[in-house]
Amino acid sequence: MKLIFVLLLVLAVQKECNQSASITFIDATSQNWNGGAAATRGTYYKIYFQMTDTVGYRFDSLWVNNKRLPVSFIKGISSNDTLLLMANDYLGIRNPMNQQEVVNSVEAPFPFETNAAGLVGYFLKGERKYLPVAQWRQLKPLYYQ
């Protein structure tokens, strides 16, 4: 009887651990862009993943090319939707006619040694965690006028 109880306890704990790992990486893209205001350019970074539950998650940073970028998190409509993180490494001169503040990247090395091409920083229930991006799939550049 004790053996059955221990076996059930182990299965219950394993099920709970598997449910907490709810981030499934799908794809990561980078796309250079040029145009708009004079001498402006940059790179859009997009990370796609599937999450069964977003409660308790707070995504805040992307480390890439020795820079730390702020990220925007776009949640899907249903729990089966692909979720998207976006960052823009904006380079160039700010248009003086445009009063909108642009958040630029900050020079910052990865928080720890890794061979990953990028690193997503997030908090899960107040605890700092990281999600490595092995490589970026390069998309065709965008040219704005």
N, C-alpha and C. Protein backbone atom coordinates (compact mmCIF):
# COMPACT_ATOMS: atom_id res chain seq x y z
N MET A 1 0.82 -1.19 0.00
CA MET A 1 0.00 0.00 0.00
C MET A 1 0.87 1.26 0.00
N LYS A 2 1.95 1.24 0.79
CA LYS A 2 2.85 2.39 0.83
C LYS A 2 3.50 2.60 -0.53
N LEU A 3 3.82 1.52 -1.21
CA LEU A 3 4.45 1.62 -2.52
C LEU A 3 3.52 2.30 -3.52
N ILE A 4 2.26 1.95 -3.49
CA ILE A 4 1.27 2.57 -4.38
C ILE A 4 1.14 4.05 -4.06
N PHE A 5 1.11 4.40 -2.78
CA PHE A 5 1.00 5.80 -2.38
C PHE A 5 2.21 6.61 -2.87
N VAL A 6 3.40 6.06 -2.72
CA VAL A 6 4.62 6.74 -3.17
C VAL A 6 4.61 6.90 -4.69
N LEU A 7 4.18 5.86 -5.39
CA LEU A 7 4.11 5.92 -6.85
C LEU A 7 3.12 7.01 -7.30
N LEU A 8 1.98 7.08 -6.69
CA LEU A 8 0.99 8.13 -7.02
C LEU A 8 1.53 9.52 -6.71
N LEU A 9 2.24 9.65 -5.61
CA LEU A 9 2.83 10.94 -5.24
C LEU A 9 3.87 11.38 -6.27
N VAL A 10 4.72 10.45 -6.71
CA VAL A 10 5.75 10.78 -7.70
C VAL A 10 5.09 11.19 -9.02
N LEU A 11 4.06 10.50 -9.45
CA LEU A 11 3.36 10.85 -10.68
C LEU A 11 2.69 12.21 -10.58
N ALA A 12 2.12 12.52 -9.44
CA ALA A 12 1.47 13.83 -9.25
C ALA A 12 2.49 14.96 -9.29
N VAL A 13 3.64 14.77 -8.66
CA VAL A 13 4.67 15.80 -8.65
C VAL A 13 5.23 16.00 -10.05
N GLN A 14 5.44 14.91 -10.79
CA GLN A 14 5.97 15.02 -12.15
C GLN A 14 4.98 15.76 -13.04
N LYS A 15 3.69 15.50 -12.91
CA LYS A 15 2.68 16.19 -13.70
C LYS A 15 2.70 17.69 -13.39
N GLU A 16 2.83 18.05 -12.12
CA GLU A 16 2.88 19.46 -11.73
C GLU A 16 4.12 20.14 -12.29
N CYS A 17 5.27 19.48 -12.29
CA CYS A 17 6.51 20.05 -12.84
C CYS A 17 6.38 20.26 -14.34
N ASN A 18 5.79 19.31 -15.05
CA ASN A 18 5.62 19.45 -16.49
C ASN A 18 4.70 20.60 -16.84
N GLN A 19 3.69 20.85 -16.05
CA GLN A 19 2.75 21.93 -16.33
C GLN A 19 3.40 23.29 -16.13
N SER A 20 4.38 23.41 -15.25
CA SER A 20 5.01 24.71 -15.02
C SER A 20 5.92 25.12 -16.17
N ALA A 21 6.41 24.17 -16.96
CA ALA A 21 7.25 24.49 -18.11
C ALA A 21 6.35 24.68 -19.32
N SER A 22 5.65 25.83 -19.41
CA SER A 22 4.63 26.00 -20.42
C SER A 22 5.07 26.85 -21.61
N ILE A 23 6.35 27.18 -21.73
CA ILE A 23 6.84 27.94 -22.88
C ILE A 23 7.42 26.97 -23.90
N THR A 24 6.88 27.00 -25.13
CA THR A 24 7.41 26.20 -26.22
C THR A 24 7.89 27.14 -27.31
N PHE A 25 9.18 27.15 -27.57
CA PHE A 25 9.78 28.00 -28.59
C PHE A 25 9.34 27.53 -29.97
N ILE A 26 8.96 28.49 -30.85
CA ILE A 26 8.55 28.15 -32.21
C ILE A 26 9.54 28.69 -33.23
N ASP A 27 9.83 30.00 -33.19
CA ASP A 27 10.68 30.61 -34.20
C ASP A 27 11.21 31.95 -33.68
N ALA A 28 12.32 32.40 -34.28
CA ALA A 28 12.88 33.72 -33.97
C ALA A 28 13.37 34.33 -35.27
N THR A 29 12.93 35.55 -35.55
CA THR A 29 13.33 36.21 -36.79
C THR A 29 13.98 37.56 -36.51
N SER A 30 14.83 37.97 -37.42
CA SER A 30 15.38 39.33 -37.39
C SER A 30 15.16 39.92 -38.78
N GLN A 31 14.89 41.23 -38.81
CA GLN A 31 14.61 41.88 -40.08
C GLN A 31 15.14 43.31 -40.04
N ASN A 32 16.15 43.59 -40.85
CA ASN A 32 16.69 44.94 -40.94
C ASN A 32 15.69 45.84 -41.63
N TRP A 33 15.68 47.12 -41.22
CA TRP A 33 14.80 48.09 -41.86
C TRP A 33 15.55 49.40 -42.06
N ASN A 34 15.16 50.15 -43.07
CA ASN A 34 15.75 51.44 -43.40
C ASN A 34 14.64 52.39 -43.81
N GLY A 35 14.83 53.69 -43.51
CA GLY A 35 13.91 54.67 -44.05
C GLY A 35 13.16 55.45 -43.00
N GLY A 36 12.07 56.05 -43.46
CA GLY A 36 11.34 56.95 -42.58
C GLY A 36 12.11 58.25 -42.48
N ALA A 37 12.36 58.69 -41.28
CA ALA A 37 13.15 59.91 -41.08
C ALA A 37 14.58 59.69 -41.59
N ALA A 38 15.21 60.79 -41.98
CA ALA A 38 16.56 60.70 -42.55
C ALA A 38 17.52 59.97 -41.60
N ALA A 39 18.33 59.13 -42.17
CA ALA A 39 19.39 58.41 -41.46
C ALA A 39 18.88 57.50 -40.35
N THR A 40 17.70 56.96 -40.52
CA THR A 40 17.20 56.01 -39.52
C THR A 40 17.21 54.60 -40.10
N ARG A 41 17.51 53.68 -39.23
CA ARG A 41 17.56 52.27 -39.59
C ARG A 41 17.48 51.46 -38.31
N GLY A 42 17.40 50.18 -38.46
CA GLY A 42 17.37 49.33 -37.28
C GLY A 42 17.09 47.89 -37.64
N THR A 43 16.78 47.12 -36.63
CA THR A 43 16.47 45.70 -36.80
C THR A 43 15.28 45.35 -35.93
N TYR A 44 14.28 44.73 -36.54
CA TYR A 44 13.16 44.18 -35.79
C TYR A 44 13.52 42.76 -35.38
N TYR A 45 13.28 42.42 -34.13
CA TYR A 45 13.45 41.05 -33.64
C TYR A 45 12.09 40.56 -33.18
N LYS A 46 11.72 39.36 -33.64
CA LYS A 46 10.44 38.77 -33.25
C LYS A 46 10.69 37.34 -32.78
N ILE A 47 10.10 37.00 -31.65
CA ILE A 47 10.23 35.66 -31.09
C ILE A 47 8.81 35.11 -30.93
N TYR A 48 8.56 33.97 -31.55
CA TYR A 48 7.25 33.33 -31.51
C TYR A 48 7.33 32.11 -30.61
N PHE A 49 6.32 31.95 -29.78
CA PHE A 49 6.27 30.76 -28.95
C PHE A 49 4.84 30.46 -28.55
N GLN A 50 4.64 29.25 -28.07
CA GLN A 50 3.34 28.78 -27.61
C GLN A 50 3.39 28.73 -26.09
N MET A 51 2.37 29.27 -25.46
CA MET A 51 2.28 29.21 -24.00
C MET A 51 0.88 28.76 -23.63
N THR A 52 0.80 27.84 -22.70
CA THR A 52 -0.52 27.39 -22.25
C THR A 52 -1.09 28.32 -21.20
N ASP A 53 -0.23 29.09 -20.53
CA ASP A 53 -0.69 29.98 -19.47
C ASP A 53 0.28 31.14 -19.34
N THR A 54 -0.23 32.38 -19.43
CA THR A 54 0.64 33.56 -19.32
C THR A 54 0.57 34.21 -17.95
N VAL A 55 -0.24 33.67 -17.05
CA VAL A 55 -0.38 34.25 -15.72
C VAL A 55 0.95 34.15 -14.98
N GLY A 56 1.40 35.26 -14.42
CA GLY A 56 2.63 35.28 -13.65
C GLY A 56 3.87 35.59 -14.46
N TYR A 57 3.77 35.63 -15.79
CA TYR A 57 4.91 35.94 -16.65
C TYR A 57 4.96 37.44 -16.93
N ARG A 58 6.19 38.01 -16.91
CA ARG A 58 6.40 39.41 -17.29
C ARG A 58 7.70 39.46 -18.09
N PHE A 59 7.56 39.63 -19.40
CA PHE A 59 8.71 39.70 -20.30
C PHE A 59 9.20 41.13 -20.36
N ASP A 60 10.52 41.35 -20.26
CA ASP A 60 11.01 42.72 -20.20
C ASP A 60 12.22 43.02 -21.09
N SER A 61 13.03 42.03 -21.46
CA SER A 61 14.28 42.34 -22.15
C SER A 61 14.65 41.29 -23.18
N LEU A 62 15.41 41.78 -24.19
CA LEU A 62 16.05 40.90 -25.15
C LEU A 62 17.51 41.33 -25.24
N TRP A 63 18.41 40.40 -25.01
CA TRP A 63 19.84 40.67 -25.19
C TRP A 63 20.23 40.11 -26.54
N VAL A 64 20.85 40.97 -27.37
CA VAL A 64 21.33 40.55 -28.69
C VAL A 64 22.43 41.52 -29.11
N ASN A 65 23.49 41.00 -29.70
CA ASN A 65 24.61 41.82 -30.19
C ASN A 65 25.15 42.78 -29.12
N ASN A 66 25.33 42.29 -27.93
CA ASN A 66 25.84 43.09 -26.80
C ASN A 66 24.97 44.31 -26.50
N LYS A 67 23.67 44.18 -26.70
CA LYS A 67 22.71 45.22 -26.38
C LYS A 67 21.54 44.60 -25.63
N ARG A 68 20.92 45.43 -24.82
CA ARG A 68 19.70 45.02 -24.11
C ARG A 68 18.56 45.89 -24.64
N LEU A 69 17.55 45.23 -25.21
CA LEU A 69 16.41 45.92 -25.81
C LEU A 69 15.15 45.68 -25.00
N PRO A 70 14.28 46.69 -24.89
CA PRO A 70 12.98 46.44 -24.27
C PRO A 70 12.11 45.64 -25.24
N VAL A 71 11.22 44.81 -24.72
CA VAL A 71 10.36 43.99 -25.56
C VAL A 71 8.89 44.32 -25.33
N SER A 72 8.10 44.08 -26.36
CA SER A 72 6.65 44.17 -26.27
C SER A 72 6.12 42.75 -26.36
N PHE A 73 5.17 42.43 -25.51
CA PHE A 73 4.59 41.10 -25.47
C PHE A 73 3.18 41.18 -26.01
N ILE A 74 2.89 40.41 -27.07
CA ILE A 74 1.56 40.40 -27.67
C ILE A 74 0.95 39.04 -27.41
N LYS A 75 -0.11 39.04 -26.61
CA LYS A 75 -0.77 37.80 -26.22
C LYS A 75 -1.86 37.46 -27.22
N GLY A 76 -1.97 36.20 -27.57
CA GLY A 76 -3.00 35.74 -28.48
C GLY A 76 -4.39 35.78 -27.83
N ILE A 77 -5.39 35.58 -28.66
CA ILE A 77 -6.77 35.65 -28.19
C ILE A 77 -7.15 34.40 -27.38
N SER A 78 -6.76 33.24 -27.85
CA SER A 78 -7.09 32.01 -27.14
C SER A 78 -5.81 31.36 -26.62
N SER A 79 -5.96 30.37 -25.78
CA SER A 79 -4.78 29.71 -25.18
C SER A 79 -3.98 28.92 -26.20
N ASN A 80 -4.54 28.64 -27.38
CA ASN A 80 -3.81 27.88 -28.41
C ASN A 80 -3.08 28.77 -29.40
N ASP A 81 -3.20 30.08 -29.26
CA ASP A 81 -2.56 31.00 -30.20
C ASP A 81 -1.06 31.07 -29.99
N THR A 82 -0.37 31.42 -31.08
CA THR A 82 1.05 31.71 -31.01
C THR A 82 1.21 33.08 -30.38
N LEU A 83 2.14 33.20 -29.45
CA LEU A 83 2.41 34.47 -28.79
C LEU A 83 3.66 35.08 -29.38
N LEU A 84 3.76 36.39 -29.29
CA LEU A 84 4.83 37.10 -29.98
C LEU A 84 5.51 38.10 -29.05
N LEU A 85 6.83 38.07 -29.04
CA LEU A 85 7.65 39.10 -28.40
C LEU A 85 8.31 39.90 -29.50
N MET A 86 8.29 41.22 -29.38
CA MET A 86 8.89 42.08 -30.40
C MET A 86 9.86 43.06 -29.76
N ALA A 87 10.97 43.32 -30.46
CA ALA A 87 11.94 44.33 -30.05
C ALA A 87 12.43 45.05 -31.30
N ASN A 88 12.80 46.31 -31.14
CA ASN A 88 13.28 47.11 -32.26
C ASN A 88 14.59 47.76 -31.84
N ASP A 89 15.66 47.36 -32.50
CA ASP A 89 16.96 47.99 -32.26
C ASP A 89 17.06 49.18 -33.18
N TYR A 90 16.59 50.33 -32.71
CA TYR A 90 16.48 51.56 -33.48
C TYR A 90 17.82 52.29 -33.49
N LEU A 91 18.32 52.59 -34.69
CA LEU A 91 19.58 53.31 -34.83
C LEU A 91 19.34 54.55 -35.68
N GLY A 92 20.09 55.57 -35.45
CA GLY A 92 19.99 56.74 -36.31
C GLY A 92 19.61 57.99 -35.55
N ILE A 93 19.30 59.01 -36.32
CA ILE A 93 18.99 60.33 -35.78
C ILE A 93 17.49 60.45 -35.59
N ARG A 94 17.08 60.99 -34.45
CA ARG A 94 15.66 61.20 -34.19
C ARG A 94 15.19 62.42 -34.99
N ASN A 95 14.05 62.28 -35.61
CA ASN A 95 13.47 63.37 -36.39
C ASN A 95 13.02 64.48 -35.44
N PRO A 96 13.54 65.70 -35.56
CA PRO A 96 13.15 66.77 -34.64
C PRO A 96 11.68 67.16 -34.76
N MET A 97 11.04 66.84 -35.88
CA MET A 97 9.62 67.17 -36.06
C MET A 97 8.72 66.15 -35.33
N ASN A 98 9.28 65.02 -34.99
CA ASN A 98 8.51 63.97 -34.32
C ASN A 98 8.82 64.04 -32.82
N GLN A 99 7.85 64.37 -32.02
CA GLN A 99 8.07 64.53 -30.58
C GLN A 99 7.94 63.21 -29.82
N GLN A 100 7.66 62.14 -30.52
CA GLN A 100 7.54 60.84 -29.87
C GLN A 100 8.91 60.37 -29.41
N GLU A 101 9.00 59.97 -28.15
CA GLU A 101 10.26 59.51 -27.58
C GLU A 101 10.56 58.10 -28.08
N VAL A 102 11.76 57.87 -28.56
CA VAL A 102 12.19 56.57 -29.03
C VAL A 102 13.04 55.93 -27.94
N VAL A 103 12.71 54.70 -27.59
CA VAL A 103 13.50 53.97 -26.59
C VAL A 103 14.60 53.22 -27.33
N ASN A 104 15.81 53.64 -27.13
CA ASN A 104 16.95 52.99 -27.77
C ASN A 104 17.45 51.84 -26.93
N SER A 105 18.26 51.01 -27.58
CA SER A 105 18.87 49.90 -26.87
C SER A 105 19.95 50.42 -25.92
N VAL A 106 20.32 49.58 -24.99
CA VAL A 106 21.36 49.91 -24.02
C VAL A 106 22.50 48.93 -24.21
N GLU A 107 23.72 49.43 -24.29
CA GLU A 107 24.88 48.54 -24.39
C GLU A 107 24.94 47.67 -23.14
N ALA A 108 24.87 46.36 -23.33
CA ALA A 108 24.90 45.45 -22.18
C ALA A 108 25.25 44.04 -22.66
N PRO A 109 26.25 43.42 -22.07
CA PRO A 109 26.55 42.03 -22.41
C PRO A 109 25.47 41.11 -21.85
N PHE A 110 25.45 39.88 -22.36
CA PHE A 110 24.52 38.90 -21.82
C PHE A 110 24.75 38.77 -20.32
N PRO A 111 23.70 38.49 -19.55
CA PRO A 111 23.86 38.39 -18.10
C PRO A 111 24.69 37.19 -17.65
N PHE A 112 24.91 36.23 -18.54
CA PHE A 112 25.78 35.09 -18.23
C PHE A 112 26.36 34.56 -19.54
N GLU A 113 27.38 33.76 -19.45
CA GLU A 113 28.08 33.20 -20.61
C GLU A 113 27.17 32.21 -21.33
N THR A 114 26.98 32.43 -22.64
CA THR A 114 26.16 31.53 -23.44
C THR A 114 26.57 31.62 -24.90
N ASN A 115 26.31 30.57 -25.67
CA ASN A 115 26.56 30.58 -27.10
C ASN A 115 25.32 30.96 -27.89
N ALA A 116 24.25 31.30 -27.22
CA ALA A 116 22.99 31.65 -27.88
C ALA A 116 23.14 32.96 -28.65
N ALA A 117 22.37 33.10 -29.72
CA ALA A 117 22.38 34.33 -30.52
C ALA A 117 21.61 35.45 -29.82
N GLY A 118 20.70 35.08 -28.95
CA GLY A 118 19.91 36.05 -28.20
C GLY A 118 19.44 35.44 -26.90
N LEU A 119 18.96 36.30 -26.02
CA LEU A 119 18.50 35.84 -24.71
C LEU A 119 17.30 36.69 -24.29
N VAL A 120 16.17 36.03 -24.04
CA VAL A 120 14.97 36.72 -23.59
C VAL A 120 14.94 36.68 -22.07
N GLY A 121 14.76 37.85 -21.45
CA GLY A 121 14.66 37.93 -20.00
C GLY A 121 13.21 38.11 -19.59
N TYR A 122 12.81 37.37 -18.57
CA TYR A 122 11.44 37.50 -18.07
C TYR A 122 11.41 37.16 -16.59
N PHE A 123 10.30 37.51 -15.97
CA PHE A 123 10.05 37.16 -14.58
C PHE A 123 8.87 36.22 -14.54
N LEU A 124 8.99 35.17 -13.76
CA LEU A 124 7.89 34.24 -13.51
C LEU A 124 7.63 34.23 -12.02
N LYS A 125 6.51 34.80 -11.65
CA LYS A 125 6.12 34.91 -10.24
C LYS A 125 7.22 35.57 -9.43
N GLY A 126 7.82 36.63 -10.00
CA GLY A 126 8.83 37.41 -9.31
C GLY A 126 10.25 36.89 -9.42
N GLU A 127 10.46 35.73 -10.01
CA GLU A 127 11.80 35.16 -10.13
C GLU A 127 12.34 35.38 -11.54
N ARG A 128 13.56 35.92 -11.67
CA ARG A 128 14.20 36.21 -12.96
C ARG A 128 14.55 34.92 -13.67
N LYS A 129 14.17 34.82 -14.95
CA LYS A 129 14.48 33.65 -15.76
C LYS A 129 14.89 34.11 -17.15
N TYR A 130 15.50 33.20 -17.91
CA TYR A 130 15.98 33.51 -19.25
C TYR A 130 15.58 32.40 -20.22
N LEU A 131 15.34 32.81 -21.46
CA LEU A 131 15.02 31.87 -22.52
C LEU A 131 16.00 32.12 -23.67
N PRO A 132 16.91 31.17 -23.95
CA PRO A 132 17.91 31.39 -25.01
C PRO A 132 17.28 31.28 -26.40
N VAL A 133 17.78 32.09 -27.32
CA VAL A 133 17.41 32.02 -28.73
C VAL A 133 18.65 31.52 -29.46
N ALA A 134 18.57 30.31 -29.98
CA ALA A 134 19.75 29.67 -30.59
C ALA A 134 20.23 30.42 -31.82
N GLN A 135 19.30 30.82 -32.69
CA GLN A 135 19.68 31.55 -33.90
C GLN A 135 18.50 32.36 -34.41
N TRP A 136 18.79 33.35 -35.23
CA TRP A 136 17.77 34.21 -35.84
C TRP A 136 17.59 33.80 -37.29
N ARG A 137 16.35 33.67 -37.71
CA ARG A 137 16.05 33.45 -39.12
C ARG A 137 15.95 34.83 -39.75
N GLN A 138 16.86 35.14 -40.67
CA GLN A 138 16.95 36.48 -41.26
C GLN A 138 15.89 36.64 -42.35
N LEU A 139 15.04 37.68 -42.21
CA LEU A 139 14.03 38.00 -43.21
C LEU A 139 14.56 39.07 -44.15
N LYS A 140 13.90 39.25 -45.30
CA LYS A 140 14.31 40.29 -46.25
C LYS A 140 14.15 41.66 -45.61
N PRO A 141 15.07 42.59 -45.91
CA PRO A 141 14.99 43.94 -45.31
C PRO A 141 13.74 44.68 -45.76
N LEU A 142 13.31 45.62 -44.91
CA LEU A 142 12.20 46.51 -45.23
C LEU A 142 12.77 47.88 -45.56
N TYR A 143 12.18 48.54 -46.57
CA TYR A 143 12.61 49.88 -46.95
C TYR A 143 11.40 50.81 -46.88
N TYR A 144 11.40 51.73 -45.93
CA TYR A 144 10.31 52.69 -45.76
C TYR A 144 10.66 53.98 -46.51
N GLN A 145 9.63 54.69 -46.93
CA GLN A 145 9.85 55.97 -47.59
C GLN A 145 9.21 57.08 -46.83
